[in-house]
PDB file of N, CA and C in Angstrom:
ATOM      1  N   MET A   1     139.723  83.786 129.669  1.00  0.00           N
ATOM      2  CA  MET A   1     138.995  83.816 128.681  1.00  0.00           C
ATOM      3  C   MET A   1     139.731  83.797 127.295  1.00  0.00           C
ATOM      4  N   ASP A   2     139.383  82.723 126.512  1.00  0.00           N
ATOM      5  CA  ASP A   2     140.013  82.581 125.349  1.00  0.00           C
ATOM      6  C   ASP A   2     139.417  83.584 124.043  1.00  0.00           C
ATOM      7  N   SER A   3     140.088  84.345 123.797  1.00  0.00           N
ATOM      8  CA  SER A   3     139.454  85.544 122.951  1.00  0.00           C
ATOM      9  C   SER A   3     139.630  85.258 121.398  1.00  0.00           C
ATOM     10  N   SER A   4     140.141  83.558 121.117  1.00  0.00           N
ATOM     11  CA  SER A   4     139.956  83.397 119.755  1.00  0.00           C
ATOM     12  C   SER A   4     138.507  82.609 119.463  1.00  0.00           C
ATOM     13  N   LYS A   5     137.899  82.446 120.631  1.00  0.00           N
ATOM     14  CA  LYS A   5     136.565  81.774 120.207  1.00  0.00           C
ATOM     15  C   LYS A   5     135.512  82.796 119.832  1.00  0.00           C
ATOM     16  N   THR A   6     134.541  82.201 119.033  1.00  0.00           N
ATOM     17  CA  THR A   6     133.496  83.209 118.591  1.00  0.00           C
ATOM     18  C   THR A   6     132.258  82.905 119.705  1.00  0.00           C
ATOM     19  N   LEU A   7     131.594  84.226 119.686  1.00  0.00           N
ATOM     20  CA  LEU A   7     130.698  84.241 120.639  1.00  0.00           C
ATOM     21  C   LEU A   7     129.362  84.493 119.868  1.00  0.00           C
ATOM     22  N   ILE A   8     128.250  83.689 120.511  1.00  0.00           N
ATOM     23  CA  ILE A   8     127.057  83.811 119.991  1.00  0.00           C
ATOM     24  C   ILE A   8     125.852  84.278 120.781  1.00  0.00           C
ATOM     25  N   LYS A   9     124.924  85.052 120.482  1.00  0.00           N
ATOM     26  CA  LYS A   9     123.852  85.517 121.370  1.00  0.00           C
ATOM     27  C   LYS A   9     122.739  84.491 121.161  1.00  0.00           C
ATOM     28  N   ILE A  10     122.198  84.249 122.462  1.00  0.00           N
ATOM     29  CA  ILE A  10     121.084  83.061 122.411  1.00  0.00           C
ATOM     30  C   ILE A  10     119.730  83.718 122.326  1.00  0.00           C
ATOM     31  N   ASP A  11     119.528  84.744 122.848  1.00  0.00           N
ATOM     32  CA  ASP A  11     118.350  85.583 122.908  1.00  0.00           C
ATOM     33  C   ASP A  11     118.333  86.968 122.217  1.00  0.00           C
ATOM     34  N   LYS A  12     117.146  87.407 121.769  1.00  0.00           N
ATOM     35  CA  LYS A  12     117.352  88.658 121.046  1.00  0.00           C
ATOM     36  C   LYS A  12     116.690  89.783 122.347  1.00  0.00           C
ATOM     37  N   PRO A  13     117.308  90.932 122.411  1.00  0.00           N
ATOM     38  CA  PRO A  13     116.800  91.809 123.462  1.00  0.00           C
ATOM     39  C   PRO A  13     115.124  92.258 123.031  1.00  0.00           C
ATOM     40  N   VAL A  14     114.444  92.580 123.974  1.00  0.00           N
ATOM     41  CA  VAL A  14     113.211  93.103 123.834  1.00  0.00           C
ATOM     42  C   VAL A  14     113.443  94.643 124.327  1.00  0.00           C
ATOM     43  N   GLU A  15     112.748  95.647 123.593  1.00  0.00           N
ATOM     44  CA  GLU A  15     112.780  97.082 123.827  1.00  0.00           C
ATOM     45  C   GLU A  15     111.477  97.217 124.722  1.00  0.00           C
ATOM     46  N   VAL A  16     111.519  97.816 125.879  1.00  0.00           N
ATOM     47  CA  VAL A  16     110.564  98.245 126.497  1.00  0.00           C
ATOM     48  C   VAL A  16     110.758  99.930 126.992  1.00  0.00           C
ATOM     49  N   GLU A  17     109.776 100.844 126.666  1.00  0.00           N
ATOM     50  CA  GLU A  17     109.889 102.097 126.841  1.00  0.00           C
ATOM     51  C   GLU A  17     111.484 102.679 126.474  1.00  0.00           C
ATOM     52  N   GLY A  18     111.779 102.325 125.181  1.00  0.00           N
ATOM     53  CA  GLY A  18     112.992 102.796 124.728  1.00  0.00           C
ATOM     54  C   GLY A  18     114.346 101.989 125.459  1.00  0.00           C
ATOM     55  N   GLU A  19     114.028 101.382 126.252  1.00  0.00           N
ATOM     56  CA  GLU A  19     115.325 100.570 126.855  1.00  0.00           C
ATOM     57  C   GLU A  19     115.281  99.069 126.304  1.00  0.00           C
ATOM     58  N   GLN A  20     116.797  98.585 125.967  1.00  0.00           N
ATOM     59  CA  GLN A  20     116.931  97.197 125.867  1.00  0.00           C
ATOM     60  C   GLN A  20     116.999  96.313 127.018  1.00  0.00           C
ATOM     61  N   ILE A  21     116.320  95.273 127.177  1.00  0.00           N
ATOM     62  CA  ILE A  21     116.275  94.372 128.136  1.00  0.00           C
ATOM     63  C   ILE A  21     116.253  92.931 127.525  1.00  0.00           C
ATOM     64  N   LEU A  22     117.047  92.081 128.307  1.00  0.00           N
ATOM     65  CA  LEU A  22     117.122  90.840 128.047  1.00  0.00           C
ATOM     66  C   LEU A  22     116.354  90.163 129.323  1.00  0.00           C
ATOM     67  N   VAL A  23     115.404  89.342 128.882  1.00  0.00           N
ATOM     68  CA  VAL A  23     114.516  88.416 129.674  1.00  0.00           C
ATOM     69  C   VAL A  23     115.367  87.349 130.030  1.00  0.00           C
ATOM     70  N   LEU A  24     115.640  86.943 131.289  1.00  0.00           N
ATOM     71  CA  LEU A  24     116.477  85.805 131.591  1.00  0.00           C
ATOM     72  C   LEU A  24     115.546  84.505 131.815  1.00  0.00           C
ATOM     73  N   ALA A  25     116.239  83.337 131.831  1.00  0.00           N
ATOM     74  CA  ALA A  25     115.493  82.083 131.991  1.00  0.00           C
ATOM     75  C   ALA A  25     114.680  82.181 133.207  1.00  0.00           C
ATOM     76  N   LYS A  26     114.864  82.808 134.175  1.00  0.00           N
ATOM     77  CA  LYS A  26     113.991  82.876 135.348  1.00  0.00           C
ATOM     78  C   LYS A  26     112.843  84.078 134.994  1.00  0.00           C
ATOM     79  N   PRO A  27     111.757  84.009 135.087  1.00  0.00           N
ATOM     80  CA  PRO A  27     110.997  84.735 134.706  1.00  0.00           C
ATOM     81  C   PRO A  27     110.797  86.278 135.596  1.00  0.00           C
ATOM     82  N   ASP A  28     111.380  86.240 136.629  1.00  0.00           N
ATOM     83  CA  ASP A  28     111.464  87.494 137.861  1.00  0.00           C
ATOM     84  C   ASP A  28     112.898  88.052 137.621  1.00  0.00           C
ATOM     85  N   GLU A  29     113.653  87.627 136.436  1.00  0.00           N
ATOM     86  CA  GLU A  29     114.923  88.464 136.393  1.00  0.00           C
ATOM     87  C   GLU A  29     115.029  89.070 134.960  1.00  0.00           C
ATOM     88  N   ILE A  30     115.528  90.404 135.093  1.00  0.00           N
ATOM     89  CA  ILE A  30     115.678  91.017 133.727  1.00  0.00           C
ATOM     90  C   ILE A  30     116.914  91.602 133.799  1.00  0.00           C
ATOM     91  N   LEU A  31     117.498  91.816 132.647  1.00  0.00           N
ATOM     92  CA  LEU A  31     118.913  92.541 132.622  1.00  0.00           C
ATOM     93  C   LEU A  31     118.553  93.721 131.451  1.00  0.00           C
ATOM     94  N   THR A  32     118.955  94.974 132.243  1.00  0.00           N
ATOM     95  CA  THR A  32     118.796  96.129 131.305  1.00  0.00           C
ATOM     96  C   THR A  32     120.155  96.224 130.755  1.00  0.00           C
ATOM     97  N   LEU A  33     120.335  96.530 129.320  1.00  0.00           N
ATOM     98  CA  LEU A  33     121.634  96.760 128.734  1.00  0.00           C
ATOM     99  C   LEU A  33     121.663  98.452 128.416  1.00  0.00           C
ATOM    100  N   ASN A  34     123.087  98.881 128.991  1.00  0.00           N
ATOM    101  CA  ASN A  34     123.261 100.216 128.601  1.00  0.00           C
ATOM    102  C   ASN A  34     123.655 100.216 127.036  1.00  0.00           C
ATOM    103  N   SER A  35     124.027 101.367 126.525  1.00  0.00           N
ATOM    104  CA  SER A  35     124.323 101.336 125.070  1.00  0.00           C
ATOM    105  C   SER A  35     125.817 100.530 124.668  1.00  0.00           C
ATOM    106  N   THR A  36     126.573 100.727 125.628  1.00  0.00           N
ATOM    107  CA  THR A  36     127.989  99.888 125.534  1.00  0.00           C
ATOM    108  C   THR A  36     127.576  98.081 125.635  1.00  0.00           C
ATOM    109  N   ALA A  37     126.823  97.804 126.456  1.00  0.00           N
ATOM    110  CA  ALA A  37     126.539  96.445 126.807  1.00  0.00           C
ATOM    111  C   ALA A  37     125.720  95.781 125.582  1.00  0.00           C
ATOM    112  N   ARG A  38     124.879  96.924 125.007  1.00  0.00           N
ATOM    113  CA  ARG A  38     123.955  96.429 123.829  1.00  0.00           C
ATOM    114  C   ARG A  38     124.925  96.193 122.595  1.00  0.00           C
ATOM    115  N   PHE A  39     125.851  97.348 122.466  1.00  0.00           N
ATOM    116  CA  PHE A  39     126.797  97.190 121.316  1.00  0.00           C
ATOM    117  C   PHE A  39     127.423  95.839 121.544  1.00  0.00           C
ATOM    118  N   VAL A  40     128.050  95.472 122.726  1.00  0.00           N
ATOM    119  CA  VAL A  40     128.901  94.184 122.778  1.00  0.00           C
ATOM    120  C   VAL A  40     127.866  93.065 122.607  1.00  0.00           C
ATOM    121  N   TYR A  41     126.757  92.990 123.293  1.00  0.00           N
ATOM    122  CA  TYR A  41     125.800  91.911 122.991  1.00  0.00           C
ATOM    123  C   TYR A  41     125.376  91.710 121.426  1.00  0.00           C
ATOM    124  N   GLU A  42     124.894  92.799 120.742  1.00  0.00           N
ATOM    125  CA  GLU A  42     124.831  92.804 119.321  1.00  0.00           C
ATOM    126  C   GLU A  42     125.878  92.176 118.547  1.00  0.00           C
ATOM    127  N   ASN A  43     127.105  92.421 118.737  1.00  0.00           N
ATOM    128  CA  ASN A  43     127.985  92.161 118.001  1.00  0.00           C
ATOM    129  C   ASN A  43     128.487  90.428 118.464  1.00  0.00           C
ATOM    130  N   CYS A  44     127.785  89.972 119.428  1.00  0.00           N
ATOM    131  CA  CYS A  44     128.108  88.372 119.748  1.00  0.00           C
ATOM    132  C   CYS A  44     127.224  87.592 118.553  1.00  0.00           C
ATOM    133  N   ASN A  45     127.883  87.826 117.405  1.00  0.00           N
ATOM    134  CA  ASN A  45     127.151  86.977 116.193  1.00  0.00           C
ATOM    135  C   ASN A  45     128.191  86.351 115.516  1.00  0.00           C
ATOM    136  N   GLY A  46     128.969  85.431 116.136  1.00  0.00           N
ATOM    137  CA  GLY A  46     130.178  84.855 115.534  1.00  0.00           C
ATOM    138  C   GLY A  46     131.417  85.735 115.575  1.00  0.00           C
ATOM    139  N   GLU A  47     131.493  86.890 116.178  1.00  0.00           N
ATOM    140  CA  GLU A  47     132.731  87.454 116.196  1.00  0.00           C
ATOM    141  C   GLU A  47     133.396  87.103 117.590  1.00  0.00           C
ATOM    142  N   THR A  48     134.817  87.421 117.606  1.00  0.00           N
ATOM    143  CA  THR A  48     135.535  86.981 118.691  1.00  0.00           C
ATOM    144  C   THR A  48     135.822  88.257 119.762  1.00  0.00           C
ATOM    145  N   LEU A  49     136.007  88.179 120.918  1.00  0.00           N
ATOM    146  CA  LEU A  49     136.357  89.023 121.856  1.00  0.00           C
ATOM    147  C   LEU A  49     137.220  90.120 121.329  1.00  0.00           C
ATOM    148  N   ASP A  50     138.277  89.736 120.714  1.00  0.00           N
ATOM    149  CA  ASP A  50     139.241  90.635 120.091  1.00  0.00           C
ATOM    150  C   ASP A  50     138.549  91.577 118.940  1.00  0.00           C
ATOM    151  N   THR A  51     137.832  91.028 118.130  1.00  0.00           N
ATOM    152  CA  THR A  51     137.016  91.652 117.145  1.00  0.00           C
ATOM    153  C   THR A  51     136.146  92.777 117.733  1.00  0.00           C
ATOM    154  N   ILE A  52     135.168  92.272 118.855  1.00  0.00           N
ATOM    155  CA  ILE A  52     134.257  92.915 119.307  1.00  0.00           C
ATOM    156  C   ILE A  52     135.083  93.973 120.210  1.00  0.00           C
ATOM    157  N   THR A  53     135.992  94.033 120.847  1.00  0.00           N
ATOM    158  CA  THR A  53     136.788  94.941 121.478  1.00  0.00           C
ATOM    159  C   THR A  53     137.415  95.966 120.384  1.00  0.00           C
ATOM    160  N   ASP A  54     137.891  95.550 119.343  1.00  0.00           N
ATOM    161  CA  ASP A  54     138.366  96.502 118.261  1.00  0.00           C
ATOM    162  C   ASP A  54     137.368  97.558 117.806  1.00  0.00           C
ATOM    163  N   LYS A  55     136.050  97.006 117.587  1.00  0.00           N
ATOM    164  CA  LYS A  55     134.825  97.427 117.024  1.00  0.00           C
ATOM    165  C   LYS A  55     134.494  98.537 118.028  1.00  0.00           C
ATOM    166  N   LEU A  56     134.325  98.164 119.197  1.00  0.00           N
ATOM    167  CA  LEU A  56     133.916  99.136 120.169  1.00  0.00           C
ATOM    168  C   LEU A  56     134.977 100.365 120.332  1.00  0.00           C
ATOM    169  N   TYR A  57     136.252  99.996 120.374  1.00  0.00           N
ATOM    170  CA  TYR A  57     137.366 101.084 120.624  1.00  0.00           C
ATOM    171  C   TYR A  57     137.151 101.934 119.367  1.00  0.00           C
ATOM    172  N   ALA A  58     136.880 101.513 118.193  1.00  0.00           N
ATOM    173  CA  ALA A  58     136.779 102.274 117.051  1.00  0.00           C
ATOM    174  C   ALA A  58     135.587 103.387 116.993  1.00  0.00           C
ATOM    175  N   GLU A  59     134.631 103.052 117.814  1.00  0.00           N
ATOM    176  CA  GLU A  59     133.517 103.820 118.021  1.00  0.00           C
ATOM    177  C   GLU A  59     133.626 104.688 119.045  1.00  0.00           C
ATOM    178  N   ILE A  60     134.607 104.986 119.951  1.00  0.00           N
ATOM    179  CA  ILE A  60     134.843 105.542 121.057  1.00  0.00           C
ATOM    180  C   ILE A  60     135.468 106.859 120.241  1.00  0.00           C
ATOM    181  N   ILE A  61     134.778 108.154 120.805  1.00  0.00           N
ATOM    182  CA  ILE A  61     135.117 109.366 120.215  1.00  0.00           C
ATOM    183  C   ILE A  61     136.408 109.941 121.006  1.00  0.00           C
ATOM    184  N   ASN A  62     136.403 109.846 122.233  1.00  0.00           N
ATOM    185  CA  ASN A  62     137.719 110.366 122.696  1.00  0.00           C
ATOM    186  C   ASN A  62     138.828 109.196 123.167  1.00  0.00           C
ATOM    187  N   LYS A  63     139.440 108.907 122.386  1.00  0.00           N
ATOM    188  CA  LYS A  63     140.437 107.663 122.631  1.00  0.00           C
ATOM    189  C   LYS A  63     141.654 108.051 123.754  1.00  0.00           C
ATOM    190  N   ASP A  64     141.610 109.364 124.046  1.00  0.00           N
ATOM    191  CA  ASP A  64     142.801 109.758 124.963  1.00  0.00           C
ATOM    192  C   ASP A  64     142.313 109.539 126.537  1.00  0.00           C
ATOM    193  N   GLU A  65     141.014 108.986 126.271  1.00  0.00           N
ATOM    194  CA  GLU A  65     140.531 108.658 127.975  1.00  0.00           C
ATOM    195  C   GLU A  65     140.376 107.416 128.332  1.00  0.00           C
ATOM    196  N   VAL A  66     140.744 106.344 127.282  1.00  0.00           N
ATOM    197  CA  VAL A  66     140.406 105.037 127.522  1.00  0.00           C
ATOM    198  C   VAL A  66     141.683 104.197 126.598  1.00  0.00           C
ATOM    199  N   THR A  67     141.995 103.231 126.831  1.00  0.00           N
ATOM    200  CA  THR A  67     143.052 102.309 126.327  1.00  0.00           C
ATOM    201  C   THR A  67     142.030 101.256 125.721  1.00  0.00           C
ATOM    202  N   VAL A  68     142.757 100.433 124.784  1.00  0.00           N
ATOM    203  CA  VAL A  68     141.952  99.247 124.082  1.00  0.00           C
ATOM    204  C   VAL A  68     142.020  98.228 125.255  1.00  0.00           C
ATOM    205  N   GLU A  69     142.983  98.160 125.974  1.00  0.00           N
ATOM    206  CA  GLU A  69     143.260  97.223 127.115  1.00  0.00           C
ATOM    207  C   GLU A  69     141.969  97.278 127.986  1.00  0.00           C
ATOM    208  N   GLN A  70     141.630  98.680 128.351  1.00  0.00           N
ATOM    209  CA  GLN A  70     140.661  98.874 129.391  1.00  0.00           C
ATOM    210  C   GLN A  70     139.274  98.276 128.759  1.00  0.00           C
ATOM    211  N   ILE A  71     139.294  98.507 127.509  1.00  0.00           N
ATOM    212  CA  ILE A  71     138.042  98.185 126.656  1.00  0.00           C
ATOM    213  C   ILE A  71     138.003  96.607 126.876  1.00  0.00           C
ATOM    214  N   ARG A  72     139.103  96.005 126.616  1.00  0.00           N
ATOM    215  CA  ARG A  72     139.206  94.589 126.312  1.00  0.00           C
ATOM    216  C   ARG A  72     138.733  93.984 127.844  1.00  0.00           C
ATOM    217  N   ALA A  73     139.121  94.621 128.837  1.00  0.00           N
ATOM    218  CA  ALA A  73     138.865  94.121 130.315  1.00  0.00           C
ATOM    219  C   ALA A  73     137.395  94.054 130.470  1.00  0.00           C
ATOM    220  N   ASP A  74     136.696  95.321 130.085  1.00  0.00           N
ATOM    221  CA  ASP A  74     135.411  95.737 130.362  1.00  0.00           C
ATOM    222  C   ASP A  74     134.588  94.804 129.731  1.00  0.00           C
ATOM    223  N   CYS A  75     134.882  94.619 128.395  1.00  0.00           N
ATOM    224  CA  CYS A  75     134.300  93.385 127.427  1.00  0.00           C
ATOM    225  C   CYS A  75     134.410  92.262 128.208  1.00  0.00           C
ATOM    226  N   THR A  76     135.491  91.742 128.586  1.00  0.00           N
ATOM    227  CA  THR A  76     135.588  90.280 129.200  1.00  0.00           C
ATOM    228  C   THR A  76     134.654  90.326 130.463  1.00  0.00           C
ATOM    229  N   ARG A  77     134.629  91.185 131.360  1.00  0.00           N
ATOM    230  CA  ARG A  77     133.890  91.019 132.404  1.00  0.00           C
ATOM    231  C   ARG A  77     132.345  90.952 131.952  1.00  0.00           C
ATOM    232  N   LEU A  78     132.100  91.772 130.945  1.00  0.00           N
ATOM    233  CA  LEU A  78     130.561  91.641 130.460  1.00  0.00           C
ATOM    234  C   LEU A  78     130.187  90.391 129.881  1.00  0.00           C
ATOM    235  N   ILE A  79     131.189  89.970 129.094  1.00  0.00           N
ATOM    236  CA  ILE A  79     130.824  88.847 128.206  1.00  0.00           C
ATOM    237  C   ILE A  79     130.906  87.373 129.210  1.00  0.00           C
ATOM    238  N   GLU A  80     131.731  87.470 130.351  1.00  0.00           N
ATOM    239  CA  GLU A  80     131.718  86.349 131.109  1.00  0.00           C
ATOM    240  C   GLU A  80     130.297  86.530 132.000  1.00  0.00           C
ATOM    241  N   HIS A  81     129.710  87.733 132.361  1.00  0.00           N
ATOM    242  CA  HIS A  81     128.467  87.803 133.060  1.00  0.00           C
ATOM    243  C   HIS A  81     127.216  87.242 132.157  1.00  0.00           C
ATOM    244  N   LEU A  82     127.325  87.708 130.829  1.00  0.00           N
ATOM    245  CA  LEU A  82     126.244  87.091 129.892  1.00  0.00           C
ATOM    246  C   LEU A  82     126.371  85.618 129.620  1.00  0.00           C
ATOM    247  N   VAL A  83     127.614  84.990 129.649  1.00  0.00           N
ATOM    248  CA  VAL A  83     127.722  83.584 129.673  1.00  0.00           C
ATOM    249  C   VAL A  83     127.123  82.933 130.698  1.00  0.00           C
ATOM    250  N   SER A  84     127.390  83.636 131.800  1.00  0.00           N
ATOM    251  CA  SER A  84     127.109  83.089 133.076  1.00  0.00           C
ATOM    252  C   SER A  84     125.447  83.107 133.232  1.00  0.00           C
ATOM    253  N   LYS A  85     124.901  83.856 132.882  1.00  0.00           N
ATOM    254  CA  LYS A  85     123.412  84.066 132.780  1.00  0.00           C
ATOM    255  C   LYS A  85     122.642  83.264 131.611  1.00  0.00           C
ATOM    256  N   GLY A  86     123.697  82.674 130.667  1.00  0.00           N
ATOM    257  CA  GLY A  86     123.188  81.917 129.642  1.00  0.00           C
ATOM    258  C   GLY A  86     122.534  82.762 128.489  1.00  0.00           C
ATOM    259  N   LEU A  87     122.893  83.805 128.362  1.00  0.00           N
ATOM    260  CA  LEU A  87     122.573  84.770 127.262  1.00  0.00           C
ATOM    261  C   LEU A  87     123.263  84.776 126.025  1.00  0.00           C
ATOM    262  N   ILE A  88     124.670  84.252 126.114  1.00  0.00           N
ATOM    263  CA  ILE A  88     125.401  84.122 125.027  1.00  0.00           C
ATOM    264  C   ILE A  88     126.386  82.877 125.297  1.00  0.00           C
ATOM    265  N   ARG A  89     126.954  82.352 124.416  1.00  0.00           N
ATOM    266  CA  ARG A  89     127.709  80.890 124.476  1.00  0.00           C
ATOM    267  C   ARG A  89     128.902  81.138 123.359  1.00  0.00           C
ATOM    268  N   TYR A  90     129.777  80.413 123.783  1.00  0.00           N
ATOM    269  CA  TYR A  90     131.138  80.213 122.841  1.00  0.00           C
ATOM    270  C   TYR A  90     130.785  79.362 121.920  1.00  0.00           C
ATOM    271  N   GLN A  91     131.314  79.523 120.835  1.00  0.00           N
ATOM    272  CA  GLN A  91     131.039  78.356 119.629  1.00  0.00           C
ATOM    273  C   GLN A  91     132.659  78.064 119.382  1.00  0.00           C
TER     274      GLN A  91
END
């Protein structure tokens, strides 16, 4: 993944009973976002992977338990999944 490309979200999540969900192109497929996934998705507004990673790391309370490299790896997997589902795209 090219971390210098900006990311753009395609759809806006829908809130159902206090949970953020993304309705995919297939009407029978729904993706529920946990708070971390929601943060990453919401920051796909022209930001790069590196910027999103840095923002997420800055929000973490106990930095002794996770490294920025772990955050970047997790963000990369999530973003690749969202791209494969057609929910975000590279610009």
